[in-house]
Amino acid sequence: MAQEGTLEHGFATAKLDELVNWARTGSLWPMTFGLACCAVEMMQAGAARYDLDRFGMLFRPSPRQSDVMIVAGTLTNKMAPALRRVYDQMPEPKWVISMGSCANGGGYYHYSYSVVRGCDRIVPVDVYVPGCPPTAEALIYGILQLQKKIRATGPVSRRRELLEAKRHLEGRPA
């Protein structure tokens, strides 16, 4: 009878959510979406000196096998539909890291006719990594911030975040 009471108040499910989020933070599989010079820094973060494997990150070539997308570099209008298509192919739960000034807001090419002024206009972004290009240390810090966010976010509030982001991208009020 006591177990039913604890389940009724959400105690056991809250602990289960914490356990699942803890497991997710230790096994993030990023899919690289390298578009420009920031991709070189992303590759450096995966190399021997910084070794993202120690954070449980294993780069995957397919969106269907990954849960984190790292958008690195200048996003053009021509690449925007491809970015959205790849994002839609990723399984839930999925997160996006925007890496570099160009991915964050257009960067140096902000006023160009062919550049999207931030990848957050196409996909919902969870973590922004500033810099032109950001260093490997900055990317690792962004990954640690994403892990912190995953630990703090439950599945219900994550769904709410994604619905709000979807409304924002479609131009509807929240």
N, C-alpha and C. Protein backbone atom coordinates (compact mmCIF):
# COMPACT_ATOMS: atom_id res chain seq x y z
N MET A 1 0.81 -1.19 0.00
CA MET A 1 0.00 0.00 0.00
C MET A 1 0.86 1.26 0.00
N ALA A 2 1.99 1.23 0.71
CA ALA A 2 2.86 2.40 0.77
C ALA A 2 3.49 2.68 -0.59
N GLN A 3 3.76 1.61 -1.34
CA GLN A 3 4.35 1.82 -2.66
C GLN A 3 3.38 2.53 -3.59
N GLU A 4 2.11 2.20 -3.48
CA GLU A 4 1.13 2.88 -4.33
C GLU A 4 1.09 4.37 -4.00
N GLY A 5 1.22 4.70 -2.72
CA GLY A 5 1.21 6.10 -2.33
C GLY A 5 2.41 6.87 -2.87
N THR A 6 3.57 6.22 -2.87
CA THR A 6 4.74 6.92 -3.39
C THR A 6 4.64 7.10 -4.90
N LEU A 7 4.12 6.11 -5.60
CA LEU A 7 3.94 6.26 -7.04
C LEU A 7 2.89 7.32 -7.35
N GLU A 8 1.89 7.39 -6.48
CA GLU A 8 0.82 8.36 -6.68
C GLU A 8 1.35 9.80 -6.57
N HIS A 9 2.33 10.02 -5.71
CA HIS A 9 2.88 11.36 -5.53
C HIS A 9 4.05 11.64 -6.46
N GLY A 10 4.42 10.67 -7.29
CA GLY A 10 5.46 10.92 -8.29
C GLY A 10 6.87 10.72 -7.80
N PHE A 11 7.05 10.18 -6.60
CA PHE A 11 8.41 10.00 -6.06
C PHE A 11 9.22 9.02 -6.89
N ALA A 12 8.67 7.85 -7.15
CA ALA A 12 9.41 6.82 -7.89
C ALA A 12 9.67 7.24 -9.32
N THR A 13 8.70 7.88 -9.96
CA THR A 13 8.91 8.30 -11.34
C THR A 13 9.94 9.42 -11.43
N ALA A 14 9.98 10.29 -10.44
CA ALA A 14 10.99 11.35 -10.45
C ALA A 14 12.39 10.75 -10.35
N LYS A 15 12.57 9.76 -9.53
CA LYS A 15 13.86 9.11 -9.40
C LYS A 15 14.22 8.36 -10.68
N LEU A 16 13.25 7.75 -11.33
CA LEU A 16 13.49 7.06 -12.59
C LEU A 16 13.93 8.06 -13.66
N ASP A 17 13.28 9.22 -13.71
CA ASP A 17 13.67 10.26 -14.67
C ASP A 17 15.10 10.71 -14.43
N GLU A 18 15.47 10.88 -13.16
CA GLU A 18 16.85 11.27 -12.84
C GLU A 18 17.84 10.22 -13.31
N LEU A 19 17.50 8.95 -13.12
CA LEU A 19 18.39 7.87 -13.55
C LEU A 19 18.54 7.84 -15.07
N VAL A 20 17.43 8.01 -15.78
CA VAL A 20 17.48 8.01 -17.25
C VAL A 20 18.26 9.21 -17.75
N ASN A 21 18.05 10.39 -17.17
CA ASN A 21 18.79 11.58 -17.59
C ASN A 21 20.28 11.44 -17.29
N TRP A 22 20.61 10.81 -16.16
CA TRP A 22 22.02 10.57 -15.84
C TRP A 22 22.65 9.67 -16.89
N ALA A 23 21.94 8.62 -17.30
CA ALA A 23 22.47 7.72 -18.33
C ALA A 23 22.62 8.44 -19.67
N ARG A 24 21.69 9.32 -19.98
CA ARG A 24 21.76 10.06 -21.25
C ARG A 24 22.96 11.00 -21.28
N THR A 25 23.27 11.62 -20.16
CA THR A 25 24.39 12.57 -20.16
C THR A 25 25.72 11.88 -20.38
N GLY A 26 25.83 10.62 -20.02
CA GLY A 26 27.08 9.90 -20.19
C GLY A 26 27.23 9.21 -21.52
N SER A 27 26.22 9.30 -22.37
CA SER A 27 26.29 8.61 -23.66
C SER A 27 25.67 9.44 -24.77
N LEU A 28 26.13 10.67 -24.91
CA LEU A 28 25.65 11.53 -25.99
C LEU A 28 26.37 11.16 -27.28
N TRP A 29 25.61 10.95 -28.33
CA TRP A 29 26.19 10.61 -29.63
C TRP A 29 25.91 11.74 -30.60
N PRO A 30 26.88 12.60 -30.85
CA PRO A 30 26.64 13.74 -31.74
C PRO A 30 26.75 13.39 -33.21
N MET A 31 25.92 14.05 -33.99
CA MET A 31 26.03 13.99 -35.44
C MET A 31 26.59 15.32 -35.88
N THR A 32 27.68 15.30 -36.58
CA THR A 32 28.31 16.55 -36.96
C THR A 32 27.63 17.12 -38.19
N PHE A 33 27.41 18.41 -38.15
CA PHE A 33 26.88 19.14 -39.30
C PHE A 33 27.85 20.28 -39.55
N GLY A 34 29.06 19.93 -39.97
CA GLY A 34 30.12 20.91 -40.18
C GLY A 34 29.96 21.62 -41.50
N LEU A 35 29.82 22.94 -41.45
CA LEU A 35 29.56 23.73 -42.64
C LEU A 35 30.71 24.64 -43.03
N ALA A 36 31.61 24.96 -42.12
CA ALA A 36 32.69 25.90 -42.43
C ALA A 36 33.85 25.64 -41.48
N CYS A 37 34.62 26.69 -41.19
CA CYS A 37 35.86 26.55 -40.43
C CYS A 37 35.63 26.08 -38.99
N CYS A 38 34.45 26.26 -38.42
CA CYS A 38 34.19 25.77 -37.07
C CYS A 38 34.27 24.25 -37.01
N ALA A 39 34.02 23.60 -38.13
CA ALA A 39 34.09 22.14 -38.17
C ALA A 39 35.50 21.64 -37.89
N VAL A 40 36.51 22.42 -38.25
CA VAL A 40 37.90 22.03 -37.97
C VAL A 40 38.13 21.99 -36.46
N GLU A 41 37.60 22.97 -35.74
CA GLU A 41 37.72 22.98 -34.28
C GLU A 41 36.93 21.83 -33.66
N MET A 42 35.80 21.49 -34.27
CA MET A 42 35.02 20.36 -33.78
C MET A 42 35.81 19.06 -33.96
N MET A 43 36.49 18.92 -35.08
CA MET A 43 37.33 17.73 -35.30
C MET A 43 38.48 17.70 -34.30
N GLN A 44 39.03 18.87 -33.99
CA GLN A 44 40.12 18.93 -33.01
C GLN A 44 39.63 18.48 -31.63
N ALA A 45 38.39 18.82 -31.29
CA ALA A 45 37.85 18.41 -30.00
C ALA A 45 37.71 16.89 -29.92
N GLY A 46 37.50 16.25 -31.05
CA GLY A 46 37.40 14.80 -31.06
C GLY A 46 38.73 14.08 -31.16
N ALA A 47 39.80 14.82 -31.42
CA ALA A 47 41.13 14.21 -31.58
C ALA A 47 41.77 13.90 -30.23
N ALA A 48 43.00 13.45 -30.26
CA ALA A 48 43.66 12.91 -29.08
C ALA A 48 43.86 13.93 -27.95
N ARG A 49 44.12 15.18 -28.26
CA ARG A 49 44.42 16.14 -27.19
C ARG A 49 43.22 16.40 -26.28
N TYR A 50 42.03 16.54 -26.85
CA TYR A 50 40.84 16.85 -26.05
C TYR A 50 39.96 15.62 -25.85
N ASP A 51 39.89 14.73 -26.81
CA ASP A 51 39.27 13.41 -26.70
C ASP A 51 37.86 13.45 -26.11
N LEU A 52 36.89 13.74 -26.94
CA LEU A 52 35.50 13.78 -26.49
C LEU A 52 34.99 12.41 -26.03
N ASP A 53 35.70 11.35 -26.36
CA ASP A 53 35.28 10.02 -25.92
C ASP A 53 35.24 9.92 -24.40
N ARG A 54 36.09 10.67 -23.70
CA ARG A 54 36.07 10.58 -22.24
C ARG A 54 34.81 11.19 -21.65
N PHE A 55 34.07 11.97 -22.43
CA PHE A 55 32.79 12.51 -21.98
C PHE A 55 31.63 11.65 -22.45
N GLY A 56 31.93 10.49 -23.03
CA GLY A 56 30.88 9.60 -23.51
C GLY A 56 30.34 9.98 -24.86
N MET A 57 31.07 10.80 -25.61
CA MET A 57 30.58 11.26 -26.91
C MET A 57 31.28 10.48 -28.02
N LEU A 58 30.48 9.87 -28.85
CA LEU A 58 30.98 9.10 -29.98
C LEU A 58 30.32 9.65 -31.23
N PHE A 59 31.11 10.23 -32.13
CA PHE A 59 30.55 10.84 -33.34
C PHE A 59 29.91 9.77 -34.21
N ARG A 60 28.71 10.05 -34.67
CA ARG A 60 27.96 9.12 -35.51
C ARG A 60 27.76 9.74 -36.89
N PRO A 61 27.83 8.94 -37.94
CA PRO A 61 27.65 9.49 -39.29
C PRO A 61 26.19 9.61 -39.71
N SER A 62 25.29 8.99 -38.97
CA SER A 62 23.88 8.96 -39.37
C SER A 62 23.01 9.69 -38.34
N PRO A 63 22.03 10.47 -38.79
CA PRO A 63 21.15 11.13 -37.83
C PRO A 63 20.28 10.15 -37.05
N ARG A 64 20.02 9.00 -37.61
CA ARG A 64 19.17 8.02 -36.93
C ARG A 64 19.87 7.35 -35.76
N GLN A 65 21.16 7.50 -35.66
CA GLN A 65 21.93 6.91 -34.56
C GLN A 65 22.42 7.96 -33.57
N SER A 66 22.04 9.20 -33.74
CA SER A 66 22.58 10.26 -32.89
C SER A 66 21.47 10.97 -32.14
N ASP A 67 21.85 11.61 -31.04
CA ASP A 67 20.87 12.38 -30.27
C ASP A 67 21.29 13.83 -30.07
N VAL A 68 22.47 14.21 -30.54
CA VAL A 68 22.93 15.59 -30.48
C VAL A 68 23.41 16.00 -31.86
N MET A 69 22.98 17.17 -32.31
CA MET A 69 23.49 17.71 -33.57
C MET A 69 24.34 18.93 -33.23
N ILE A 70 25.57 18.95 -33.75
CA ILE A 70 26.44 20.11 -33.57
C ILE A 70 26.48 20.84 -34.91
N VAL A 71 25.84 22.00 -34.97
CA VAL A 71 25.84 22.82 -36.18
C VAL A 71 27.03 23.75 -36.07
N ALA A 72 28.01 23.56 -36.95
CA ALA A 72 29.26 24.31 -36.87
C ALA A 72 29.51 25.03 -38.19
N GLY A 73 29.36 26.35 -38.17
CA GLY A 73 29.69 27.13 -39.35
C GLY A 73 28.52 27.89 -39.93
N THR A 74 28.76 28.47 -41.10
CA THR A 74 27.79 29.34 -41.77
C THR A 74 26.69 28.52 -42.41
N LEU A 75 25.46 28.77 -41.99
CA LEU A 75 24.30 28.09 -42.56
C LEU A 75 23.72 28.95 -43.68
N THR A 76 23.73 28.43 -44.90
CA THR A 76 23.18 29.17 -46.03
C THR A 76 21.72 28.79 -46.25
N ASN A 77 21.03 29.62 -47.01
CA ASN A 77 19.62 29.34 -47.31
C ASN A 77 19.46 28.02 -48.05
N LYS A 78 20.45 27.67 -48.84
CA LYS A 78 20.39 26.42 -49.60
C LYS A 78 20.55 25.19 -48.70
N MET A 79 21.31 25.32 -47.62
CA MET A 79 21.53 24.20 -46.70
C MET A 79 20.46 24.10 -45.61
N ALA A 80 19.65 25.14 -45.42
CA ALA A 80 18.66 25.15 -44.35
C ALA A 80 17.66 23.99 -44.45
N PRO A 81 17.09 23.69 -45.64
CA PRO A 81 16.18 22.54 -45.70
C PRO A 81 16.87 21.21 -45.37
N ALA A 82 18.13 21.06 -45.75
CA ALA A 82 18.87 19.84 -45.42
C ALA A 82 19.08 19.73 -43.91
N LEU A 83 19.39 20.86 -43.26
CA LEU A 83 19.55 20.86 -41.81
C LEU A 83 18.26 20.42 -41.13
N ARG A 84 17.14 20.97 -41.58
CA ARG A 84 15.85 20.61 -40.99
C ARG A 84 15.51 19.14 -41.22
N ARG A 85 15.81 18.65 -42.41
CA ARG A 85 15.53 17.25 -42.74
C ARG A 85 16.36 16.31 -41.85
N VAL A 86 17.62 16.64 -41.67
CA VAL A 86 18.48 15.81 -40.81
C VAL A 86 18.00 15.87 -39.37
N TYR A 87 17.60 17.05 -38.90
CA TYR A 87 17.09 17.19 -37.54
C TYR A 87 15.82 16.34 -37.35
N ASP A 88 14.95 16.35 -38.34
CA ASP A 88 13.71 15.58 -38.24
C ASP A 88 13.97 14.08 -38.25
N GLN A 89 15.08 13.64 -38.82
CA GLN A 89 15.41 12.22 -38.86
C GLN A 89 15.99 11.71 -37.55
N MET A 90 16.40 12.61 -36.67
CA MET A 90 16.98 12.19 -35.39
C MET A 90 15.88 11.69 -34.46
N PRO A 91 16.15 10.61 -33.69
CA PRO A 91 15.14 10.12 -32.75
C PRO A 91 15.05 11.02 -31.52
N GLU A 92 13.91 10.97 -30.86
CA GLU A 92 13.72 11.70 -29.61
C GLU A 92 14.40 10.95 -28.48
N PRO A 93 14.89 11.58 -27.47
CA PRO A 93 15.12 13.00 -27.31
C PRO A 93 16.34 13.44 -28.11
N LYS A 94 16.28 14.67 -28.60
CA LYS A 94 17.38 15.19 -29.41
C LYS A 94 17.70 16.61 -28.97
N TRP A 95 18.97 16.96 -29.10
CA TRP A 95 19.45 18.27 -28.69
C TRP A 95 20.31 18.86 -29.79
N VAL A 96 20.43 20.19 -29.80
CA VAL A 96 21.22 20.88 -30.82
C VAL A 96 22.19 21.83 -30.13
N ILE A 97 23.45 21.78 -30.57
CA ILE A 97 24.47 22.73 -30.13
C ILE A 97 24.82 23.59 -31.34
N SER A 98 24.69 24.90 -31.19
CA SER A 98 25.08 25.84 -32.23
C SER A 98 26.49 26.32 -31.93
N MET A 99 27.41 26.03 -32.85
CA MET A 99 28.83 26.30 -32.59
C MET A 99 29.35 27.39 -33.51
N GLY A 100 29.77 28.50 -32.93
CA GLY A 100 30.39 29.58 -33.70
C GLY A 100 29.45 30.73 -33.99
N SER A 101 30.04 31.87 -34.27
CA SER A 101 29.27 33.09 -34.52
C SER A 101 28.35 32.96 -35.73
N CYS A 102 28.82 32.27 -36.76
CA CYS A 102 28.00 32.14 -37.98
C CYS A 102 26.76 31.29 -37.72
N ALA A 103 26.91 30.19 -36.99
CA ALA A 103 25.76 29.35 -36.67
C ALA A 103 24.84 30.03 -35.67
N ASN A 104 25.42 30.83 -34.77
CA ASN A 104 24.62 31.51 -33.75
C ASN A 104 23.79 32.65 -34.32
N GLY A 105 24.37 33.47 -35.21
CA GLY A 105 23.63 34.63 -35.69
C GLY A 105 24.05 35.13 -37.05
N GLY A 106 24.73 34.33 -37.83
CA GLY A 106 25.17 34.78 -39.15
C GLY A 106 26.61 35.22 -39.18
N GLY A 107 27.14 35.66 -38.04
CA GLY A 107 28.54 36.03 -37.92
C GLY A 107 28.98 37.12 -38.88
N TYR A 108 30.14 36.92 -39.44
CA TYR A 108 30.74 37.89 -40.36
C TYR A 108 29.87 38.09 -41.60
N TYR A 109 29.14 37.06 -41.97
CA TYR A 109 28.32 37.10 -43.19
C TYR A 109 26.85 37.43 -42.89
N HIS A 110 26.59 38.04 -41.75
CA HIS A 110 25.22 38.30 -41.29
C HIS A 110 24.36 39.02 -42.33
N TYR A 111 24.92 39.98 -43.05
CA TYR A 111 24.13 40.78 -43.98
C TYR A 111 24.13 40.22 -45.41
N SER A 112 24.68 39.05 -45.60
CA SER A 112 24.68 38.44 -46.93
C SER A 112 23.27 37.93 -47.26
N TYR A 113 22.92 37.99 -48.52
CA TYR A 113 21.59 37.55 -48.95
C TYR A 113 21.41 36.04 -48.81
N SER A 114 22.50 35.30 -48.79
CA SER A 114 22.40 33.84 -48.83
C SER A 114 22.58 33.17 -47.48
N VAL A 115 22.73 33.94 -46.41
CA VAL A 115 23.04 33.37 -45.10
C VAL A 115 21.84 33.44 -44.17
N VAL A 116 21.56 32.33 -43.50
CA VAL A 116 20.53 32.29 -42.46
C VAL A 116 21.14 32.94 -41.21
N ARG A 117 20.43 33.87 -40.62
CA ARG A 117 20.95 34.62 -39.48
C ARG A 117 20.73 33.87 -38.17
N GLY A 118 21.33 32.70 -38.10
CA GLY A 118 21.22 31.86 -36.91
C GLY A 118 20.47 30.57 -37.21
N CYS A 119 21.05 29.46 -36.81
CA CYS A 119 20.39 28.18 -37.09
C CYS A 119 19.17 27.98 -36.21
N ASP A 120 18.99 28.85 -35.19
CA ASP A 120 17.79 28.74 -34.36
C ASP A 120 16.54 29.17 -35.10
N ARG A 121 16.68 29.71 -36.29
CA ARG A 121 15.51 30.00 -37.14
C ARG A 121 15.02 28.75 -37.86
N ILE A 122 15.84 27.71 -37.86
CA ILE A 122 15.49 26.47 -38.56
C ILE A 122 15.20 25.34 -37.58
N VAL A 123 16.03 25.18 -36.56
CA VAL A 123 15.86 24.13 -35.56
C VAL A 123 15.98 24.75 -34.16
N PRO A 124 15.33 24.15 -33.16
CA PRO A 124 15.48 24.67 -31.79
C PRO A 124 16.88 24.36 -31.25
N VAL A 125 17.53 25.37 -30.71
CA VAL A 125 18.91 25.22 -30.22
C VAL A 125 18.90 25.18 -28.70
N ASP A 126 19.67 24.26 -28.14
CA ASP A 126 19.76 24.11 -26.69
C ASP A 126 20.95 24.84 -26.09
N VAL A 127 22.10 24.81 -26.78
CA VAL A 127 23.32 25.44 -26.26
C VAL A 127 23.99 26.21 -27.39
N TYR A 128 24.39 27.44 -27.09
CA TYR A 128 25.13 28.27 -28.04
C TYR A 128 26.59 28.34 -27.58
N VAL A 129 27.51 28.04 -28.49
CA VAL A 129 28.94 28.14 -28.19
C VAL A 129 29.48 29.33 -28.97
N PRO A 130 29.88 30.42 -28.30
CA PRO A 130 30.34 31.61 -29.01
C PRO A 130 31.78 31.48 -29.48
N GLY A 131 32.14 32.34 -30.43
CA GLY A 131 33.52 32.39 -30.91
C GLY A 131 33.59 32.33 -32.42
N CYS A 132 34.73 32.77 -32.95
CA CYS A 132 34.92 32.77 -34.40
C CYS A 132 36.36 32.38 -34.73
N PRO A 133 36.66 31.14 -34.90
CA PRO A 133 35.89 29.97 -34.50
C PRO A 133 36.08 29.71 -33.01
N PRO A 134 35.12 29.07 -32.37
CA PRO A 134 35.30 28.74 -30.96
C PRO A 134 36.38 27.67 -30.80
N THR A 135 37.08 27.72 -29.71
CA THR A 135 38.14 26.74 -29.47
C THR A 135 37.52 25.40 -29.08
N ALA A 136 38.34 24.37 -29.09
CA ALA A 136 37.87 23.05 -28.67
C ALA A 136 37.44 23.08 -27.21
N GLU A 137 38.13 23.88 -26.39
CA GLU A 137 37.74 24.01 -24.98
C GLU A 137 36.35 24.61 -24.85
N ALA A 138 36.02 25.59 -25.70
CA ALA A 138 34.69 26.20 -25.67
C ALA A 138 33.62 25.18 -26.05
N LEU A 139 33.90 24.35 -27.04
CA LEU A 139 32.94 23.31 -27.42
C LEU A 139 32.75 22.32 -26.28
N ILE A 140 33.83 21.93 -25.64
CA ILE A 140 33.71 21.00 -24.51
C ILE A 140 32.91 21.64 -23.38
N TYR A 141 33.12 22.92 -23.13
CA TYR A 141 32.32 23.62 -22.12
C TYR A 141 30.84 23.62 -22.51
N GLY A 142 30.55 23.84 -23.79
CA GLY A 142 29.17 23.79 -24.26
C GLY A 142 28.56 22.41 -24.08
N ILE A 143 29.34 21.37 -24.31
CA ILE A 143 28.86 20.01 -24.12
C ILE A 143 28.57 19.75 -22.64
N LEU A 144 29.44 20.24 -21.77
CA LEU A 144 29.21 20.10 -20.33
C LEU A 144 27.95 20.85 -19.91
N GLN A 145 27.70 22.01 -20.51
CA GLN A 145 26.47 22.75 -20.21
C GLN A 145 25.24 21.99 -20.70
N LEU A 146 25.35 21.33 -21.85
CA LEU A 146 24.25 20.51 -22.35
C LEU A 146 23.99 19.34 -21.40
N GLN A 147 25.04 18.70 -20.92
CA GLN A 147 24.87 17.61 -19.97
C GLN A 147 24.18 18.09 -18.70
N LYS A 148 24.56 19.26 -18.25
CA LYS A 148 23.93 19.86 -17.06
C LYS A 148 22.45 20.13 -17.32
N LYS A 149 22.14 20.62 -18.52
CA LYS A 149 20.75 20.90 -18.88
C LYS A 149 19.93 19.62 -18.95
N ILE A 150 20.52 18.56 -19.48
CA ILE A 150 19.81 17.28 -19.59
C ILE A 150 19.50 16.74 -18.21
N ARG A 151 20.47 16.83 -17.29
CA ARG A 151 20.25 16.34 -15.93
C ARG A 151 19.13 17.11 -15.23
N ALA A 152 19.02 18.40 -15.53
CA ALA A 152 18.04 19.25 -14.85
C ALA A 152 16.66 19.21 -15.49
N THR A 153 16.55 18.69 -16.71
CA THR A 153 15.30 18.73 -17.45
C THR A 153 14.63 17.37 -17.43
N GLY A 154 13.36 17.35 -17.02
CA GLY A 154 12.58 16.13 -17.09
C GLY A 154 11.93 15.99 -18.46
N PRO A 155 11.39 14.81 -18.76
CA PRO A 155 10.81 14.60 -20.09
C PRO A 155 9.59 15.48 -20.36
N VAL A 156 8.80 15.78 -19.33
CA VAL A 156 7.61 16.61 -19.54
C VAL A 156 8.01 18.04 -19.89
N SER A 157 8.96 18.61 -19.14
CA SER A 157 9.38 19.98 -19.43
C SER A 157 10.15 20.05 -20.75
N ARG A 158 10.83 18.97 -21.13
CA ARG A 158 11.53 18.94 -22.43
C ARG A 158 10.51 18.98 -23.57
N ARG A 159 9.42 18.23 -23.45
CA ARG A 159 8.38 18.26 -24.48
C ARG A 159 7.77 19.66 -24.58
N ARG A 160 7.58 20.30 -23.43
CA ARG A 160 7.02 21.66 -23.42
C ARG A 160 7.97 22.62 -24.13
N GLU A 161 9.28 22.49 -23.86
CA GLU A 161 10.29 23.33 -24.54
C GLU A 161 10.22 23.16 -26.05
N LEU A 162 10.14 21.90 -26.50
CA LEU A 162 10.11 21.64 -27.94
C LEU A 162 8.85 22.17 -28.59
N LEU A 163 7.71 22.07 -27.90
CA LEU A 163 6.47 22.62 -28.46
C LEU A 163 6.54 24.14 -28.58
N GLU A 164 7.11 24.80 -27.56
CA GLU A 164 7.27 26.25 -27.64
C GLU A 164 8.22 26.64 -28.76
N ALA A 165 9.30 25.89 -28.93
CA ALA A 165 10.25 26.17 -30.02
C ALA A 165 9.60 25.96 -31.37
N LYS A 166 8.77 24.93 -31.48
CA LYS A 166 8.08 24.66 -32.75
C LYS A 166 7.12 25.80 -33.09
N ARG A 167 6.39 26.27 -32.09
CA ARG A 167 5.48 27.41 -32.32
C ARG A 167 6.26 28.65 -32.74
N HIS A 168 7.40 28.87 -32.10
CA HIS A 168 8.23 30.02 -32.43
C HIS A 168 8.75 29.93 -33.86
N LEU A 169 9.20 28.74 -34.26
CA LEU A 169 9.72 28.57 -35.62
C LEU A 169 8.62 28.72 -36.67
N GLU A 170 7.39 28.35 -36.32
CA GLU A 170 6.28 28.48 -37.26
C GLU A 170 5.70 29.89 -37.25
N GLY A 171 6.14 30.72 -36.32
CA GLY A 171 5.69 32.10 -36.27
C GLY A 171 4.39 32.33 -35.52
N ARG A 172 3.95 31.32 -34.76
CA ARG A 172 2.73 31.47 -33.97
C ARG A 172 3.07 31.92 -32.56
N PRO A 173 2.18 32.67 -31.91
CA PRO A 173 2.44 33.06 -30.52
C PRO A 173 2.31 31.87 -29.59
N ALA A 174 3.03 31.91 -28.48
CA ALA A 174 3.03 30.79 -27.52
C ALA A 174 1.82 30.74 -26.68
